Each structure stands twice: as structure tokens, then as C-alpha cells.
């Protein structure tokens, strides 16, 4: 079975910069809040989605959980908008990319709010389909961001591991990666709820958005 790889023209290889959680909060407040591209920003910055995945989410892919007092938005990732063209694909980069991510706190609450406001695509084109990666890239560049949009995913991984202190064996599946080693690949079968509980525990210990009173 074939899986889609990004075209070379969409990959910016030289910029490896990442944003801290506080910096992502500032981008959300000062640039993304209320914009049509707010949802893909939140999905990538606080959920680790690839660019195409962040545009392929629909309202019914989203549900909320309360885990020990922590609001966690559960988002099914089952499709993507490719880098070229407008046809939505239900084949992702690899089989394990089909997953459910967990977005805690204020970002998760905002995603749930956006889902309630939509009827279909979270980031629609106004004609019944999702918007394109090209349009998203142009909007991001126009906003004057320091790094490419794709670096939000790198930022998520770095922050999840080093700020929230989530172990690699939790972060890798949330990113849609295969875990390393025989146990991870052939035996470990955690549910989406188990991942959400780990994310909620990490967020509860380090509630990075507690001061973001402007959100929600």
C-alpha cells in the first residue's frame, strides 16, 4: 500500500528553529487568535500535527474529555490535505500516522469551540472543502513568523519532551511515529484514553497556559 510523502519543494531544510511554549502563546494571542488559520496553528503547535494533517480535521473528529479536572481535546487524525492539489487524502505519511492526539488546557478548549462553530472542515475554503497548504503558507509568511509553519511540529515535540517531560514512548506515537524497539513495535497497544491521561498528568504538573487569561 502506498503512502504519501511531501514533495521536496515544500520542505524547508535549513531552518531548524523552534518556539517555546510561552512564545507559542504569544503567537496565538498576537497573530493566530480569530484568524481563519487558528485551528491548524493550534493543532500543530499544541497537538503535533503535520501541515497537511492540520488542514484535514473535521468538526466530528473532535471530542472533549475531563481527566482529573484537566480539559483534554481528543482529535482523530485520519486524513490530510496534500502539499499539491486540493483532493483530501485518507492515506497519511505512514500507517501509524492514523491516531488520536490529545490537546490539553486552553488550546484544547478553543479547538472544541471552533468545532462547535463549524459544520464540516475546521479550516474550510468557503466552498465546502478544506483550504490548501499553499494558502496556509502564504498567510503564515504574511504574518511575519520567524520560522516555517512546519516547525510548529518540531516545537511541539521539543516542548512535550523537555517542558512537559513526557517520555519519548508517549511523544513518538502522538506524532504518528513508530516506537523504537521490539516491545514498542509488536506488543505495546495503548488506547487513545491512555495517551490522554499521560498528557493530562503532564499538563497538571506544569500548566504552561495558566497565565493566558486572554484565551477562552
C-alpha atoms as a PDB file:
ATOM      1  CA  UNK A   1       0.000   0.000   0.000  1.00  0.00           C
ATOM      2  CA  UNK A   2       1.271   3.461  -0.933  1.00  0.00           C
ATOM      3  CA  UNK A   3       1.622   6.339   1.495  1.00  0.00           C
ATOM      4  CA  UNK A   4       2.144   9.965   0.653  1.00  0.00           C
ATOM      5  CA  UNK A   5       5.435  11.744   1.134  1.00  0.00           C
ATOM      6  CA  UNK A   6       5.800  15.547   0.986  1.00  0.00           C
ATOM      7  CA  UNK A   7       7.217  16.974  -2.208  1.00  0.00           C
ATOM      8  CA  UNK A   8      10.768  18.292  -1.989  1.00  0.00           C
ATOM      9  CA  UNK A   9       9.547  21.765  -2.893  1.00  0.00           C
ATOM     10  CA  UNK A  10       7.527  22.026   0.318  1.00  0.00           C
ATOM     11  CA  UNK A  11      10.377  21.123   2.656  1.00  0.00           C
ATOM     12  CA  UNK A  12      12.417  23.980   4.069  1.00  0.00           C
ATOM     13  CA  UNK A  13      15.554  22.146   5.125  1.00  0.00           C
ATOM     14  CA  UNK A  14      17.696  24.892   6.594  1.00  0.00           C
ATOM     15  CA  UNK A  15      15.528  26.479   9.287  1.00  0.00           C
ATOM     16  CA  UNK A  16      15.551  24.286  12.383  1.00  0.00           C
ATOM     17  CA  UNK A  17      14.258  26.908  14.803  1.00  0.00           C
ATOM     18  CA  UNK A  18      11.594  26.109  17.381  1.00  0.00           C
ATOM     19  CA  UNK A  19       9.335  28.141  19.648  1.00  0.00           C
ATOM     20  CA  UNK A  20       8.967  27.727  23.405  1.00  0.00           C
ATOM     21  CA  UNK A  21       5.528  27.274  24.921  1.00  0.00           C
ATOM     22  CA  UNK A  22       5.490  30.908  26.023  1.00  0.00           C
ATOM     23  CA  UNK A  23       6.419  32.035  22.515  1.00  0.00           C
ATOM     24  CA  UNK A  24       3.662  29.895  21.020  1.00  0.00           C
ATOM     25  CA  UNK A  25       1.233  31.522  23.422  1.00  0.00           C
ATOM     26  CA  UNK A  26       2.350  34.935  22.192  1.00  0.00           C
ATOM     27  CA  UNK A  27       1.886  33.892  18.562  1.00  0.00           C
ATOM     28  CA  UNK A  28      -1.592  32.621  19.375  1.00  0.00           C
ATOM     29  CA  UNK A  29      -2.535  35.846  21.176  1.00  0.00           C
ATOM     30  CA  UNK A  30      -0.941  38.336  18.789  1.00  0.00           C
ATOM     31  CA  UNK A  31      -1.348  36.662  15.401  1.00  0.00           C
ATOM     32  CA  UNK A  32      -3.468  33.493  15.240  1.00  0.00           C
ATOM     33  CA  UNK A  33      -6.396  34.280  17.546  1.00  0.00           C
ATOM     34  CA  UNK A  34      -9.500  34.867  15.461  1.00  0.00           C
ATOM     35  CA  UNK A  35      -7.746  34.162  12.166  1.00  0.00           C
ATOM     36  CA  UNK A  36      -9.060  31.569   9.727  1.00  0.00           C
ATOM     37  CA  UNK A  37      -5.844  29.595  10.287  1.00  0.00           C
ATOM     38  CA  UNK A  38      -6.186  29.480  14.089  1.00  0.00           C
ATOM     39  CA  UNK A  39      -7.249  25.805  14.108  1.00  0.00           C
ATOM     40  CA  UNK A  40      -4.285  24.430  12.112  1.00  0.00           C
ATOM     41  CA  UNK A  41      -1.977  26.546  14.250  1.00  0.00           C
ATOM     42  CA  UNK A  42      -3.370  25.046  17.466  1.00  0.00           C
ATOM     43  CA  UNK A  43      -3.345  21.514  16.052  1.00  0.00           C
ATOM     44  CA  UNK A  44       0.313  21.801  15.045  1.00  0.00           C
ATOM     45  CA  UNK A  45       1.694  23.882  17.923  1.00  0.00           C
ATOM     46  CA  UNK A  46      -0.103  22.060  20.746  1.00  0.00           C
ATOM     47  CA  UNK A  47      -1.003  18.760  19.077  1.00  0.00           C
ATOM     48  CA  UNK A  48       1.991  17.960  16.875  1.00  0.00           C
ATOM     49  CA  UNK A  49       0.140  17.667  13.554  1.00  0.00           C
ATOM     50  CA  UNK A  50       1.909  17.730  10.223  1.00  0.00           C
ATOM     51  CA  UNK A  51       0.879  20.619   7.995  1.00  0.00           C
ATOM     52  CA  UNK A  52      -1.462  18.573   5.806  1.00  0.00           C
ATOM     53  CA  UNK A  53      -2.953  16.796   8.823  1.00  0.00           C
ATOM     54  CA  UNK A  54      -3.766  20.112  10.486  1.00  0.00           C
ATOM     55  CA  UNK A  55      -5.941  21.036   7.490  1.00  0.00           C
ATOM     56  CA  UNK A  56      -7.696  17.669   7.254  1.00  0.00           C
ATOM     57  CA  UNK A  57      -9.613  17.798  10.556  1.00  0.00           C
ATOM     58  CA  UNK A  58     -13.411  17.994  10.599  1.00  0.00           C
ATOM     59  CA  UNK A  59     -15.737  19.022  13.406  1.00  0.00           C
ATOM     60  CA  UNK A  60     -16.797  15.441  14.138  1.00  0.00           C
ATOM     61  CA  UNK A  61     -13.158  14.376  14.619  1.00  0.00           C
ATOM     62  CA  UNK A  62     -13.118  16.322  17.890  1.00  0.00           C
ATOM     63  CA  UNK A  63     -14.389  15.405  21.354  1.00  0.00           C
ATOM     64  CA  UNK A  64     -13.638  16.661  24.859  1.00  0.00           C
ATOM     65  CA  UNK A  65     -12.654  14.784  28.000  1.00  0.00           C
ATOM     66  CA  UNK A  66     -12.280  15.940  31.591  1.00  0.00           C
ATOM     67  CA  UNK A  67      -9.398  13.989  33.093  1.00  0.00           C
ATOM     68  CA  UNK A  68      -8.939  14.749  36.758  1.00  0.00           C
ATOM     69  CA  UNK A  69     -10.020  18.340  36.227  1.00  0.00           C
ATOM     70  CA  UNK A  70      -7.895  18.858  33.098  1.00  0.00           C
ATOM     71  CA  UNK A  71      -9.819  19.563  29.887  1.00  0.00           C
ATOM     72  CA  UNK A  72      -8.362  17.477  27.064  1.00  0.00           C
ATOM     73  CA  UNK A  73      -9.436  17.769  23.442  1.00  0.00           C
ATOM     74  CA  UNK A  74      -9.234  14.449  21.596  1.00  0.00           C
ATOM     75  CA  UNK A  75      -8.698  14.846  17.844  1.00  0.00           C
ATOM     76  CA  UNK A  76      -8.807  11.968  15.355  1.00  0.00           C
ATOM     77  CA  UNK A  77      -6.173  12.310  12.640  1.00  0.00           C
ATOM     78  CA  UNK A  78      -7.317  10.251   9.665  1.00  0.00           C
ATOM     79  CA  UNK A  79      -6.798  12.417   6.577  1.00  0.00           C
ATOM     80  CA  UNK A  80      -4.587  15.114   5.136  1.00  0.00           C
ATOM     81  CA  UNK A  81      -4.579  17.857   2.546  1.00  0.00           C
ATOM     82  CA  UNK A  82      -1.570  17.151   0.289  1.00  0.00           C
ATOM     83  CA  UNK A  83       1.083  19.729  -0.463  1.00  0.00           C
ATOM     84  CA  UNK A  84      -0.052  19.942  -4.088  1.00  0.00           C
ATOM     85  CA  UNK A  85      -3.670  19.953  -5.204  1.00  0.00           C
ATOM     86  CA  UNK A  86      -6.929  20.093  -3.295  1.00  0.00           C
ATOM     87  CA  UNK A  87      -8.024  16.461  -3.092  1.00  0.00           C
ATOM     88  CA  UNK A  88      -8.190  15.277   0.529  1.00  0.00           C
ATOM     89  CA  UNK A  89      -6.345  12.014   1.118  1.00  0.00           C
ATOM     90  CA  UNK A  90      -7.219   9.401   3.716  1.00  0.00           C
ATOM     91  CA  UNK A  91      -3.757   7.901   3.395  1.00  0.00           C
ATOM     92  CA  UNK A  92      -1.264   9.560   5.707  1.00  0.00           C
ATOM     93  CA  UNK A  93       2.527   9.504   5.708  1.00  0.00           C
ATOM     94  CA  UNK A  94       2.584   6.017   7.242  1.00  0.00           C
ATOM     95  CA  UNK A  95       0.082   3.601   8.860  1.00  0.00           C
ATOM     96  CA  UNK A  96       0.809   4.720  12.435  1.00  0.00           C
ATOM     97  CA  UNK A  97       0.024   8.324  11.471  1.00  0.00           C
ATOM     98  CA  UNK A  98      -3.651   7.402  11.869  1.00  0.00           C
ATOM     99  CA  UNK A  99      -4.033   8.273  15.525  1.00  0.00           C
ATOM    100  CA  UNK A 100      -5.849  10.355  18.121  1.00  0.00           C
ATOM    101  CA  UNK A 101      -3.939  13.304  19.559  1.00  0.00           C
ATOM    102  CA  UNK A 102      -4.623  14.958  22.912  1.00  0.00           C
ATOM    103  CA  UNK A 103      -4.538  18.750  23.296  1.00  0.00           C
ATOM    104  CA  UNK A 104      -4.872  19.875  26.931  1.00  0.00           C
ATOM    105  CA  UNK A 105      -5.829  23.159  28.526  1.00  0.00           C
ATOM    106  CA  UNK A 106      -6.882  26.360  26.813  1.00  0.00           C
ATOM    107  CA  UNK A 107      -5.807  25.290  23.323  1.00  0.00           C
ATOM    108  CA  UNK A 108      -7.945  22.171  23.603  1.00  0.00           C
ATOM    109  CA  UNK A 109     -10.949  24.165  24.793  1.00  0.00           C
ATOM    110  CA  UNK A 110     -10.538  26.567  21.875  1.00  0.00           C
ATOM    111  CA  UNK A 111     -10.379  23.706  19.361  1.00  0.00           C
ATOM    112  CA  UNK A 112     -13.620  22.318  20.780  1.00  0.00           C
ATOM    113  CA  UNK A 113     -15.174  25.773  20.488  1.00  0.00           C
ATOM    114  CA  UNK A 114     -14.081  26.070  16.858  1.00  0.00           C
ATOM    115  CA  UNK A 115     -15.536  22.610  16.137  1.00  0.00           C
ATOM    116  CA  UNK A 116     -18.891  23.703  17.542  1.00  0.00           C
ATOM    117  CA  UNK A 117     -18.842  26.741  15.270  1.00  0.00           C
ATOM    118  CA  UNK A 118     -18.096  24.706  12.140  1.00  0.00           C
ATOM    119  CA  UNK A 119     -20.190  22.381  10.012  1.00  0.00           C
ATOM    120  CA  UNK A 120     -17.559  20.225   8.407  1.00  0.00           C
ATOM    121  CA  UNK A 121     -13.924  21.255   7.951  1.00  0.00           C
ATOM    122  CA  UNK A 122     -12.294  23.164  10.787  1.00  0.00           C
ATOM    123  CA  UNK A 123     -10.398  25.154   8.159  1.00  0.00           C
ATOM    124  CA  UNK A 124     -12.707  25.372   5.172  1.00  0.00           C
ATOM    125  CA  UNK A 125     -12.231  27.127   1.854  1.00  0.00           C
ATOM    126  CA  UNK A 126     -15.738  28.586   1.794  1.00  0.00           C
ATOM    127  CA  UNK A 127     -16.766  26.198  -0.997  1.00  0.00           C
ATOM    128  CA  UNK A 128     -17.323  23.030   1.002  1.00  0.00           C
ATOM    129  CA  UNK A 129     -13.756  21.774   1.027  1.00  0.00           C
ATOM    130  CA  UNK A 130     -10.665  22.325   3.174  1.00  0.00           C
ATOM    131  CA  UNK A 131      -8.207  25.082   2.429  1.00  0.00           C
ATOM    132  CA  UNK A 132      -4.881  24.348   0.759  1.00  0.00           C
ATOM    133  CA  UNK A 133      -1.395  24.161   2.188  1.00  0.00           C
ATOM    134  CA  UNK A 134      -0.359  26.919  -0.186  1.00  0.00           C
ATOM    135  CA  UNK A 135      -2.922  29.335   1.224  1.00  0.00           C
ATOM    136  CA  UNK A 136      -1.848  28.473   4.763  1.00  0.00           C
ATOM    137  CA  UNK A 137       1.826  29.013   3.931  1.00  0.00           C
ATOM    138  CA  UNK A 138       1.072  32.393   2.366  1.00  0.00           C
ATOM    139  CA  UNK A 139      -0.911  33.527   5.423  1.00  0.00           C
ATOM    140  CA  UNK A 140       1.842  32.349   7.770  1.00  0.00           C
ATOM    141  CA  UNK A 141       4.508  34.166   5.767  1.00  0.00           C
ATOM    142  CA  UNK A 142       2.379  37.321   5.658  1.00  0.00           C
ATOM    143  CA  UNK A 143       2.134  37.229   9.461  1.00  0.00           C
ATOM    144  CA  UNK A 144       5.932  37.580   9.591  1.00  0.00           C
ATOM    145  CA  UNK A 145       6.714  34.426  11.543  1.00  0.00           C
ATOM    146  CA  UNK A 146      10.347  33.693  12.386  1.00  0.00           C
ATOM    147  CA  UNK A 147      10.247  30.039  11.239  1.00  0.00           C
ATOM    148  CA  UNK A 148       8.230  27.972   8.744  1.00  0.00           C
ATOM    149  CA  UNK A 149       4.818  26.649   9.773  1.00  0.00           C
ATOM    150  CA  UNK A 150       6.161  23.093   9.700  1.00  0.00           C
ATOM    151  CA  UNK A 151       8.461  23.985  12.608  1.00  0.00           C
ATOM    152  CA  UNK A 152       5.418  24.095  14.888  1.00  0.00           C
ATOM    153  CA  UNK A 153       5.576  20.303  14.880  1.00  0.00           C
ATOM    154  CA  UNK A 154       9.250  20.362  15.864  1.00  0.00           C
ATOM    155  CA  UNK A 155       8.331  22.814  18.605  1.00  0.00           C
ATOM    156  CA  UNK A 156       5.593  20.508  19.866  1.00  0.00           C
ATOM    157  CA  UNK A 157       7.992  17.581  20.108  1.00  0.00           C
ATOM    158  CA  UNK A 158      10.646  19.626  21.877  1.00  0.00           C
ATOM    159  CA  UNK A 159       8.182  21.141  24.341  1.00  0.00           C
ATOM    160  CA  UNK A 160       6.387  17.876  25.007  1.00  0.00           C
ATOM    161  CA  UNK A 161       9.636  16.120  25.843  1.00  0.00           C
ATOM    162  CA  UNK A 162      11.593  18.850  27.628  1.00  0.00           C
ATOM    163  CA  UNK A 163       8.982  21.182  29.127  1.00  0.00           C
ATOM    164  CA  UNK A 164       6.108  18.798  29.857  1.00  0.00           C
ATOM    165  CA  UNK A 165       8.573  15.951  30.487  1.00  0.00           C
ATOM    166  CA  UNK A 166       6.556  13.398  28.528  1.00  0.00           C
ATOM    167  CA  UNK A 167       8.702  10.319  27.791  1.00  0.00           C
ATOM    168  CA  UNK A 168       9.670   9.532  24.179  1.00  0.00           C
ATOM    169  CA  UNK A 169       7.497   6.416  24.167  1.00  0.00           C
ATOM    170  CA  UNK A 170       4.479   8.693  24.614  1.00  0.00           C
ATOM    171  CA  UNK A 171       5.567  11.560  22.361  1.00  0.00           C
ATOM    172  CA  UNK A 172       6.521   9.412  19.366  1.00  0.00           C
ATOM    173  CA  UNK A 173       3.090   7.766  18.886  1.00  0.00           C
ATOM    174  CA  UNK A 174       1.375  11.124  19.427  1.00  0.00           C
ATOM    175  CA  UNK A 175       3.463  12.397  16.496  1.00  0.00           C
ATOM    176  CA  UNK A 176       2.486   9.384  14.398  1.00  0.00           C
ATOM    177  CA  UNK A 177       5.903   7.738  14.623  1.00  0.00           C
ATOM    178  CA  UNK A 178       6.748   4.108  15.209  1.00  0.00           C
ATOM    179  CA  UNK A 179       8.161   3.481  18.656  1.00  0.00           C
ATOM    180  CA  UNK A 180      11.663   2.064  18.742  1.00  0.00           C
ATOM    181  CA  UNK A 181      12.392  -1.491  19.765  1.00  0.00           C
ATOM    182  CA  UNK A 182      10.564  -4.796  19.587  1.00  0.00           C
ATOM    183  CA  UNK A 183       8.238  -4.084  22.506  1.00  0.00           C
ATOM    184  CA  UNK A 184       7.030  -0.777  21.096  1.00  0.00           C
ATOM    185  CA  UNK A 185       6.505  -2.142  17.599  1.00  0.00           C
ATOM    186  CA  UNK A 186       4.928  -5.501  18.346  1.00  0.00           C
ATOM    187  CA  UNK A 187       3.466  -5.513  21.858  1.00  0.00           C
ATOM    188  CA  UNK A 188       2.601  -2.036  23.097  1.00  0.00           C
ATOM    189  CA  UNK A 189      -1.035  -1.165  22.286  1.00  0.00           C
ATOM    190  CA  UNK A 190      -2.122   1.804  24.426  1.00  0.00           C
ATOM    191  CA  UNK A 191      -5.553   3.316  23.849  1.00  0.00           C
ATOM    192  CA  UNK A 192      -6.193   6.955  22.992  1.00  0.00           C
ATOM    193  CA  UNK A 193      -7.530   7.431  26.525  1.00  0.00           C
ATOM    194  CA  UNK A 194      -4.227   6.201  27.983  1.00  0.00           C
ATOM    195  CA  UNK A 195      -2.329   8.796  25.969  1.00  0.00           C
ATOM    196  CA  UNK A 196      -4.802  11.468  27.060  1.00  0.00           C
ATOM    197  CA  UNK A 197      -4.257  10.541  30.714  1.00  0.00           C
ATOM    198  CA  UNK A 198      -0.478  10.867  30.310  1.00  0.00           C
ATOM    199  CA  UNK A 199      -0.873  14.267  28.630  1.00  0.00           C
ATOM    200  CA  UNK A 200      -3.299  15.415  31.331  1.00  0.00           C
ATOM    201  CA  UNK A 201      -0.902  14.347  34.085  1.00  0.00           C
ATOM    202  CA  UNK A 202       1.991  16.212  32.444  1.00  0.00           C
ATOM    203  CA  UNK A 203      -0.111  19.336  31.945  1.00  0.00           C
ATOM    204  CA  UNK A 204      -1.424  19.214  35.518  1.00  0.00           C
ATOM    205  CA  UNK A 205       2.150  19.178  36.812  1.00  0.00           C
ATOM    206  CA  UNK A 206       3.180  22.051  34.517  1.00  0.00           C
ATOM    207  CA  UNK A 207       0.130  24.124  33.463  1.00  0.00           C
ATOM    208  CA  UNK A 208       2.005  26.278  30.982  1.00  0.00           C
ATOM    209  CA  UNK A 209      -1.038  28.315  29.922  1.00  0.00           C
ATOM    210  CA  UNK A 210      -2.270  29.245  33.411  1.00  0.00           C
ATOM    211  CA  UNK A 211      -1.476  32.930  32.825  1.00  0.00           C
ATOM    212  CA  UNK A 212      -3.012  33.072  29.350  1.00  0.00           C
ATOM    213  CA  UNK A 213      -6.208  34.666  30.640  1.00  0.00           C
ATOM    214  CA  UNK A 214      -6.878  36.243  27.243  1.00  0.00           C
ATOM    215  CA  UNK A 215      -7.539  32.753  25.806  1.00  0.00           C
ATOM    216  CA  UNK A 216     -11.054  31.290  26.059  1.00  0.00           C
END
